[in-house]
C-alpha atoms as a PDB file:
ATOM      1  CA  MET A   1      63.279 -52.974 -19.234  1.00  0.00           C
ATOM      2  CA  THR A   2      66.368 -52.238 -21.224  1.00  0.00           C
ATOM      3  CA  ILE A   3      66.649 -53.847 -24.518  1.00  0.00           C
ATOM      4  CA  LYS A   4      70.025 -55.615 -25.487  1.00  0.00           C
ATOM      5  CA  LEU A   5      71.993 -55.171 -28.416  1.00  0.00           C
ATOM      6  CA  TYR A   6      74.792 -57.660 -28.911  1.00  0.00           C
ATOM      7  CA  CYS A   7      76.911 -55.856 -31.590  1.00  0.00           C
ATOM      8  CA  MET A   8      80.117 -54.590 -32.424  1.00  0.00           C
ATOM      9  CA  GLY A   9      81.175 -51.089 -33.646  1.00  0.00           C
ATOM     10  CA  GLU A  10      82.798 -52.625 -36.805  1.00  0.00           C
ATOM     11  CA  SER A  11      79.359 -54.119 -38.247  1.00  0.00           C
ATOM     12  CA  GLY A  12      77.056 -51.861 -40.665  1.00  0.00           C
ATOM     13  CA  ASN A  13      73.780 -54.046 -39.643  1.00  0.00           C
ATOM     14  CA  ALA A  14      74.365 -53.824 -36.515  1.00  0.00           C
ATOM     15  CA  TYR A  15      74.611 -50.096 -36.770  1.00  0.00           C
ATOM     16  CA  LYS A  16      71.233 -50.118 -38.401  1.00  0.00           C
ATOM     17  CA  ALA A  17      69.633 -51.471 -35.327  1.00  0.00           C
ATOM     18  CA  ALA A  18      71.601 -49.203 -32.883  1.00  0.00           C
ATOM     19  CA  LEU A  19      70.983 -46.160 -34.923  1.00  0.00           C
ATOM     20  CA  ALA A  20      67.196 -46.866 -34.583  1.00  0.00           C
ATOM     21  CA  LEU A  21      67.254 -47.600 -31.129  1.00  0.00           C
ATOM     22  CA  GLU A  22      69.219 -44.355 -30.346  1.00  0.00           C
ATOM     23  CA  LEU A  23      66.965 -42.076 -32.354  1.00  0.00           C
ATOM     24  CA  ALA A  24      64.092 -43.766 -31.098  1.00  0.00           C
ATOM     25  CA  GLY A  25      64.855 -42.450 -27.893  1.00  0.00           C
ATOM     26  CA  LEU A  26      64.723 -46.221 -26.650  1.00  0.00           C
ATOM     27  CA  ASP A  27      66.580 -47.568 -23.208  1.00  0.00           C
ATOM     28  CA  TRP A  28      69.304 -49.703 -24.812  1.00  0.00           C
ATOM     29  CA  ALA A  29      72.577 -50.808 -23.920  1.00  0.00           C
ATOM     30  CA  PRO A  30      75.374 -52.292 -26.504  1.00  0.00           C
ATOM     31  CA  VAL A  31      76.740 -55.827 -25.472  1.00  0.00           C
ATOM     32  CA  HIS A  32      80.184 -56.302 -27.368  1.00  0.00           C
ATOM     33  CA  VAL A  33      80.597 -59.314 -29.329  1.00  0.00           C
ATOM     34  CA  ASP A  34      84.207 -60.168 -29.899  1.00  0.00           C
ATOM     35  CA  PHE A  35      83.696 -61.335 -33.567  1.00  0.00           C
ATOM     36  CA  PHE A  36      87.297 -61.165 -34.579  1.00  0.00           C
ATOM     37  CA  GLY A  37      88.375 -63.302 -31.644  1.00  0.00           C
ATOM     38  CA  GLY A  38      85.648 -65.785 -32.573  1.00  0.00           C
ATOM     39  CA  GLU A  39      82.830 -65.431 -30.462  1.00  0.00           C
ATOM     40  CA  THR A  40      79.977 -65.487 -32.867  1.00  0.00           C
ATOM     41  CA  ARG A  41      81.424 -69.173 -34.036  1.00  0.00           C
ATOM     42  CA  THR A  42      81.070 -70.184 -30.298  1.00  0.00           C
ATOM     43  CA  PRO A  43      78.366 -72.763 -29.274  1.00  0.00           C
ATOM     44  CA  GLU A  44      77.694 -70.168 -26.336  1.00  0.00           C
ATOM     45  CA  PHE A  45      76.783 -67.560 -29.253  1.00  0.00           C
ATOM     46  CA  ARG A  46      74.941 -70.043 -31.573  1.00  0.00           C
ATOM     47  CA  LYS A  47      72.303 -70.435 -28.606  1.00  0.00           C
ATOM     48  CA  ILE A  48      71.641 -66.984 -28.844  1.00  0.00           C
ATOM     49  CA  ASN A  49      71.587 -66.719 -32.571  1.00  0.00           C
ATOM     50  CA  VAL A  50      71.879 -69.885 -34.643  1.00  0.00           C
ATOM     51  CA  MET A  51      73.062 -67.816 -37.800  1.00  0.00           C
ATOM     52  CA  GLY A  52      75.930 -66.988 -36.262  1.00  0.00           C
ATOM     53  CA  GLU A  53      75.750 -63.355 -36.843  1.00  0.00           C
ATOM     54  CA  VAL A  54      75.655 -59.923 -34.896  1.00  0.00           C
ATOM     55  CA  PRO A  55      73.444 -57.968 -34.504  1.00  0.00           C
ATOM     56  CA  VAL A  56      71.207 -59.371 -31.794  1.00  0.00           C
ATOM     57  CA  MET A  57      68.352 -57.940 -30.073  1.00  0.00           C
ATOM     58  CA  ILE A  58      66.613 -58.853 -26.636  1.00  0.00           C
ATOM     59  CA  ASP A  59      63.799 -57.348 -25.579  1.00  0.00           C
ATOM     60  CA  GLY A  60      62.086 -58.932 -22.933  1.00  0.00           C
ATOM     61  CA  ASP A  61      61.525 -62.383 -23.334  1.00  0.00           C
ATOM     62  CA  LEU A  62      61.757 -61.558 -27.340  1.00  0.00           C
ATOM     63  CA  THR A  63      64.957 -62.190 -29.130  1.00  0.00           C
ATOM     64  CA  LEU A  64      65.341 -60.804 -32.672  1.00  0.00           C
ATOM     65  CA  THR A  65      68.248 -61.459 -35.346  1.00  0.00           C
ATOM     66  CA  GLN A  66      68.698 -59.832 -38.735  1.00  0.00           C
ATOM     67  CA  SER A  67      68.868 -55.741 -38.710  1.00  0.00           C
ATOM     68  CA  GLY A  68      65.635 -55.603 -40.986  1.00  0.00           C
ATOM     69  CA  VAL A  69      63.521 -57.064 -38.194  1.00  0.00           C
ATOM     70  CA  MET A  70      64.715 -55.260 -35.261  1.00  0.00           C
ATOM     71  CA  GLN A  71      64.049 -51.840 -37.214  1.00  0.00           C
ATOM     72  CA  MET A  72      60.632 -53.101 -38.027  1.00  0.00           C
ATOM     73  CA  HIS A  73      60.119 -53.972 -34.048  1.00  0.00           C
ATOM     74  CA  ILE A  74      61.070 -50.671 -32.832  1.00  0.00           C
ATOM     75  CA  THR A  75      58.895 -49.107 -35.721  1.00  0.00           C
ATOM     76  CA  GLU A  76      55.895 -51.204 -34.118  1.00  0.00           C
ATOM     77  CA  LYS A  77      57.231 -50.001 -30.583  1.00  0.00           C
ATOM     78  CA  THR A  78      57.588 -46.455 -31.181  1.00  0.00           C
ATOM     79  CA  GLY A  79      55.562 -45.331 -34.315  1.00  0.00           C
ATOM     80  CA  LYS A  80      58.394 -44.083 -35.686  1.00  0.00           C
ATOM     81  CA  PHE A  81      60.611 -44.651 -38.948  1.00  0.00           C
ATOM     82  CA  GLY A  82      58.222 -46.804 -40.695  1.00  0.00           C
ATOM     83  CA  GLY A  83      56.568 -44.156 -43.320  1.00  0.00           C
ATOM     84  CA  LYS A  84      53.464 -42.142 -42.685  1.00  0.00           C
ATOM     85  CA  ASP A  85      50.826 -44.345 -44.592  1.00  0.00           C
ATOM     86  CA  ALA A  86      50.650 -47.695 -46.126  1.00  0.00           C
ATOM     87  CA  ALA A  87      52.012 -46.533 -49.255  1.00  0.00           C
ATOM     88  CA  GLU A  88      55.176 -45.179 -47.481  1.00  0.00           C
ATOM     89  CA  ALA A  89      55.427 -48.108 -45.589  1.00  0.00           C
ATOM     90  CA  ARG A  90      55.741 -50.324 -48.530  1.00  0.00           C
ATOM     91  CA  GLU A  91      58.157 -48.099 -50.215  1.00  0.00           C
ATOM     92  CA  VAL A  92      60.396 -47.980 -46.601  1.00  0.00           C
ATOM     93  CA  LEU A  93      60.763 -51.973 -46.986  1.00  0.00           C
ATOM     94  CA  ARG A  94      61.224 -51.552 -51.046  1.00  0.00           C
ATOM     95  CA  TRP A  95      64.559 -49.604 -49.889  1.00  0.00           C
ATOM     96  CA  MET A  96      65.292 -52.183 -47.326  1.00  0.00           C
ATOM     97  CA  PHE A  97      65.281 -55.023 -49.253  1.00  0.00           C
ATOM     98  CA  TRP A  98      67.434 -53.307 -52.014  1.00  0.00           C
ATOM     99  CA  ASP A  99      69.895 -52.072 -49.380  1.00  0.00           C
ATOM    100  CA  ASN A 100      70.131 -55.548 -48.201  1.00  0.00           C
ATOM    101  CA  HIS A 101      70.798 -57.061 -51.260  1.00  0.00           C
ATOM    102  CA  LYS A 102      72.490 -54.568 -53.658  1.00  0.00           C
ATOM    103  CA  LEU A 103      74.246 -52.219 -51.138  1.00  0.00           C
ATOM    104  CA  SER A 104      74.841 -53.817 -47.738  1.00  0.00           C
ATOM    105  CA  SER A 105      75.832 -56.825 -48.817  1.00  0.00           C
ATOM    106  CA  PRO A 106      78.387 -55.948 -50.893  1.00  0.00           C
ATOM    107  CA  ALA A 107      79.643 -53.325 -49.179  1.00  0.00           C
ATOM    108  CA  GLY A 108      80.274 -55.100 -46.015  1.00  0.00           C
ATOM    109  CA  MET A 109      82.266 -58.078 -47.686  1.00  0.00           C
ATOM    110  CA  THR A 110      84.394 -55.726 -49.700  1.00  0.00           C
ATOM    111  CA  ARG A 111      84.871 -53.595 -46.385  1.00  0.00           C
ATOM    112  CA  PHE A 112      86.050 -56.787 -45.045  1.00  0.00           C
ATOM    113  CA  LEU A 113      88.361 -57.838 -47.800  1.00  0.00           C
ATOM    114  CA  MET A 114      90.168 -54.776 -48.068  1.00  0.00           C
ATOM    115  CA  ASN A 115      90.592 -53.954 -44.401  1.00  0.00           C
ATOM    116  CA  PHE A 116      90.310 -56.837 -42.251  1.00  0.00           C
ATOM    117  CA  LEU A 117      92.197 -59.689 -44.239  1.00  0.00           C
ATOM    118  CA  ALA A 118      96.049 -59.879 -44.126  1.00  0.00           C
ATOM    119  CA  ALA A 119      97.261 -57.927 -47.394  1.00  0.00           C
ATOM    120  CA  ASP A 120      98.402 -61.212 -49.207  1.00  0.00           C
ATOM    121  CA  LYS A 121      94.761 -63.049 -48.854  1.00  0.00           C
ATOM    122  CA  ARG A 122      93.001 -59.866 -50.206  1.00  0.00           C
ATOM    123  CA  PRO A 123      91.424 -61.287 -53.272  1.00  0.00           C
ATOM    124  CA  ALA A 124      92.178 -58.473 -55.704  1.00  0.00           C
ATOM    125  CA  GLU A 125      89.587 -60.020 -58.563  1.00  0.00           C
ATOM    126  CA  VAL A 126      86.762 -60.430 -56.178  1.00  0.00           C
ATOM    127  CA  ILE A 127      87.170 -57.155 -54.924  1.00  0.00           C
ATOM    128  CA  ALA A 128      87.307 -55.296 -58.071  1.00  0.00           C
ATOM    129  CA  PHE A 129      84.053 -57.218 -59.098  1.00  0.00           C
ATOM    130  CA  GLN A 130      82.414 -56.326 -55.801  1.00  0.00           C
ATOM    131  CA  GLN A 131      83.131 -52.536 -56.548  1.00  0.00           C
ATOM    132  CA  GLY A 132      81.619 -52.642 -59.717  1.00  0.00           C
ATOM    133  CA  ARG A 133      78.552 -53.840 -58.141  1.00  0.00           C
ATOM    134  CA  LEU A 134      78.691 -51.193 -55.390  1.00  0.00           C
ATOM    135  CA  LYS A 135      79.310 -48.575 -58.280  1.00  0.00           C
ATOM    136  CA  ALA A 136      75.731 -49.462 -59.588  1.00  0.00           C
ATOM    137  CA  ALA A 137      74.082 -49.330 -56.200  1.00  0.00           C
ATOM    138  CA  TYR A 138      75.567 -45.650 -55.985  1.00  0.00           C
ATOM    139  CA  GLN A 139      74.116 -44.469 -58.724  1.00  0.00           C
ATOM    140  CA  THR A 140      70.783 -46.075 -58.157  1.00  0.00           C
ATOM    141  CA  LEU A 141      71.037 -44.473 -54.832  1.00  0.00           C
ATOM    142  CA  ASP A 142      72.030 -41.058 -55.885  1.00  0.00           C
ATOM    143  CA  MET A 143      69.616 -40.597 -58.988  1.00  0.00           C
ATOM    144  CA  HIS A 144      66.842 -41.587 -56.334  1.00  0.00           C
ATOM    145  CA  LEU A 145      67.958 -38.927 -54.169  1.00  0.00           C
ATOM    146  CA  GLU A 146      67.766 -36.174 -56.745  1.00  0.00           C
ATOM    147  CA  GLY A 147      65.933 -33.626 -55.436  1.00  0.00           C
ATOM    148  CA  ARG A 148      64.919 -35.432 -52.027  1.00  0.00           C
ATOM    149  CA  ASP A 149      66.153 -35.073 -48.409  1.00  0.00           C
ATOM    150  CA  TRP A 150      65.072 -38.575 -47.315  1.00  0.00           C
ATOM    151  CA  ILE A 151      64.830 -42.008 -49.564  1.00  0.00           C
ATOM    152  CA  VAL A 152      61.324 -42.271 -48.899  1.00  0.00           C
ATOM    153  CA  GLY A 153      58.949 -39.411 -47.823  1.00  0.00           C
ATOM    154  CA  ASP A 154      59.685 -35.935 -45.549  1.00  0.00           C
ATOM    155  CA  GLY A 155      61.516 -37.421 -42.842  1.00  0.00           C
ATOM    156  CA  LEU A 156      63.847 -39.746 -41.525  1.00  0.00           C
ATOM    157  CA  THR A 157      62.943 -43.826 -41.995  1.00  0.00           C
ATOM    158  CA  ASN A 158      64.350 -47.329 -42.100  1.00  0.00           C
ATOM    159  CA  ALA A 159      65.082 -46.840 -45.509  1.00  0.00           C
ATOM    160  CA  ASP A 160      67.415 -44.158 -44.585  1.00  0.00           C
ATOM    161  CA  MET A 161      69.150 -45.863 -41.505  1.00  0.00           C
ATOM    162  CA  SER A 162      69.305 -49.146 -43.360  1.00  0.00           C
ATOM    163  CA  CYS A 163      70.898 -47.594 -46.812  1.00  0.00           C
ATOM    164  CA  CYS A 164      73.271 -45.543 -45.074  1.00  0.00           C
ATOM    165  CA  SER A 165      74.826 -47.671 -42.405  1.00  0.00           C
ATOM    166  CA  TYR A 166      78.130 -48.758 -44.504  1.00  0.00           C
ATOM    167  CA  LEU A 167      78.574 -45.510 -45.913  1.00  0.00           C
ATOM    168  CA  PHE A 168      79.596 -43.912 -42.453  1.00  0.00           C
ATOM    169  CA  TYR A 169      82.650 -45.972 -42.233  1.00  0.00           C
ATOM    170  CA  PRO A 170      86.127 -44.582 -42.783  1.00  0.00           C
ATOM    171  CA  GLU A 171      87.920 -47.797 -43.828  1.00  0.00           C
ATOM    172  CA  PRO A 172      88.314 -47.476 -47.860  1.00  0.00           C
ATOM    173  CA  PHE A 173      86.147 -50.169 -49.893  1.00  0.00           C
ATOM    174  CA  GLY A 174      85.231 -48.115 -52.914  1.00  0.00           C
ATOM    175  CA  PHE A 175      82.894 -45.276 -51.522  1.00  0.00           C
ATOM    176  CA  ASP A 176      83.923 -41.632 -51.475  1.00  0.00           C
ATOM    177  CA  ARG A 177      80.728 -39.394 -50.897  1.00  0.00           C
ATOM    178  CA  LYS A 178      82.161 -36.349 -52.457  1.00  0.00           C
ATOM    179  CA  ASP A 179      81.811 -38.254 -55.795  1.00  0.00           C
ATOM    180  CA  TRP A 180      78.105 -38.721 -55.301  1.00  0.00           C
ATOM    181  CA  SER A 181      76.581 -35.367 -54.480  1.00  0.00           C
ATOM    182  CA  ASN A 182      73.337 -36.369 -53.580  1.00  0.00           C
ATOM    183  CA  ILE A 183      73.976 -39.249 -51.362  1.00  0.00           C
ATOM    184  CA  ASP A 184      76.604 -36.482 -49.585  1.00  0.00           C
ATOM    185  CA  ARG A 185      73.650 -34.067 -49.128  1.00  0.00           C
ATOM    186  CA  TRP A 186      71.437 -36.894 -47.673  1.00  0.00           C
ATOM    187  CA  LEU A 187      74.375 -37.927 -45.419  1.00  0.00           C
ATOM    188  CA  SER A 188      74.775 -34.652 -44.183  1.00  0.00           C
ATOM    189  CA  HIS A 189      71.041 -34.756 -43.195  1.00  0.00           C
ATOM    190  CA  ILE A 190      71.589 -37.770 -41.435  1.00  0.00           C
ATOM    191  CA  GLU A 191      74.322 -36.530 -39.492  1.00  0.00           C
ATOM    192  CA  ALA A 192      72.189 -33.429 -38.490  1.00  0.00           C
ATOM    193  CA  VAL A 193      69.271 -35.469 -36.989  1.00  0.00           C
ATOM    194  CA  PRO A 194      69.501 -34.658 -33.155  1.00  0.00           C
ATOM    195  CA  GLY A 195      71.090 -37.796 -31.082  1.00  0.00           C
ATOM    196  CA  TRP A 196      72.779 -39.189 -34.231  1.00  0.00           C
ATOM    197  CA  LYS A 197      76.354 -40.575 -33.847  1.00  0.00           C
ATOM    198  CA  HIS A 198      78.769 -42.151 -36.016  1.00  0.00           C
ATOM    199  CA  PRO A 199      79.053 -46.122 -35.531  1.00  0.00           C
ATOM    200  CA  TYR A 200      82.256 -46.365 -33.527  1.00  0.00           C
ATOM    201  CA  ASP A 201      80.726 -43.792 -31.273  1.00  0.00           C
ATOM    202  CA  LEU A 202      77.318 -45.437 -30.510  1.00  0.00           C
ATOM    203  CA  MET A 203      78.901 -49.199 -30.205  1.00  0.00           C
ATOM    204  CA  PRO A 204      81.720 -50.705 -28.474  1.00  0.00           C
ATOM    205  CA  GLY A 205      84.648 -51.945 -30.643  1.00  0.00           C
ATOM    206  CA  SER A 206      86.396 -50.547 -33.796  1.00  0.00           C
ATOM    207  CA  PRO A 207      90.153 -51.481 -35.363  1.00  0.00           C
ATOM    208  CA  ALA A 208      91.559 -49.149 -33.312  1.00  0.00           C
ATOM    209  CA  ASP A 209      91.110 -51.485 -30.407  1.00  0.00           C
ATOM    210  CA  ARG A 210      92.895 -53.844 -32.110  1.00  0.00           C
ATOM    211  CA  ALA A 211      95.817 -52.109 -33.359  1.00  0.00           C
END
């Protein structure tokens, strides 16, 4: 049975689940959600996800929300991306939790404020504060990746797919991979994984569609 992923190309959190589905080789199909048209705020969508967010994964009778839960479900189904033993599995989860709090959350907000709001509504002080938080997160990740090809162990895990999600987007939000040599090298490793796709190629929906 084909797994459905309710998503949009602009969502880094949706990308975490979509990339895991794609690289795991599972049978899945994206279902575009018109976030910018207000779809996630409709009563119909709230019946799918009371949180009013993408992504949402439907796998048979199972409905999942929150990208980390979806990544863990994919690991349970396939045995992939979760770490090779209990110690690595804990480390993968540690970095996924770190990403959700320290990297993806401020990256997603800052990218939205800088690119998807009207220019006269962009709060400069908030953006500057968030970029400061992000710089600290980039430093943490870049230091961790010194001498490493992957965040955990010797291969791609959910930790990599979680932490990389917003860093592939072209819209400016205060990240330039050339400024972070270890992150840049790590992102190149991810891009070289067979089957890797950019978020705008993997999921429907992009700023170009609304231009």
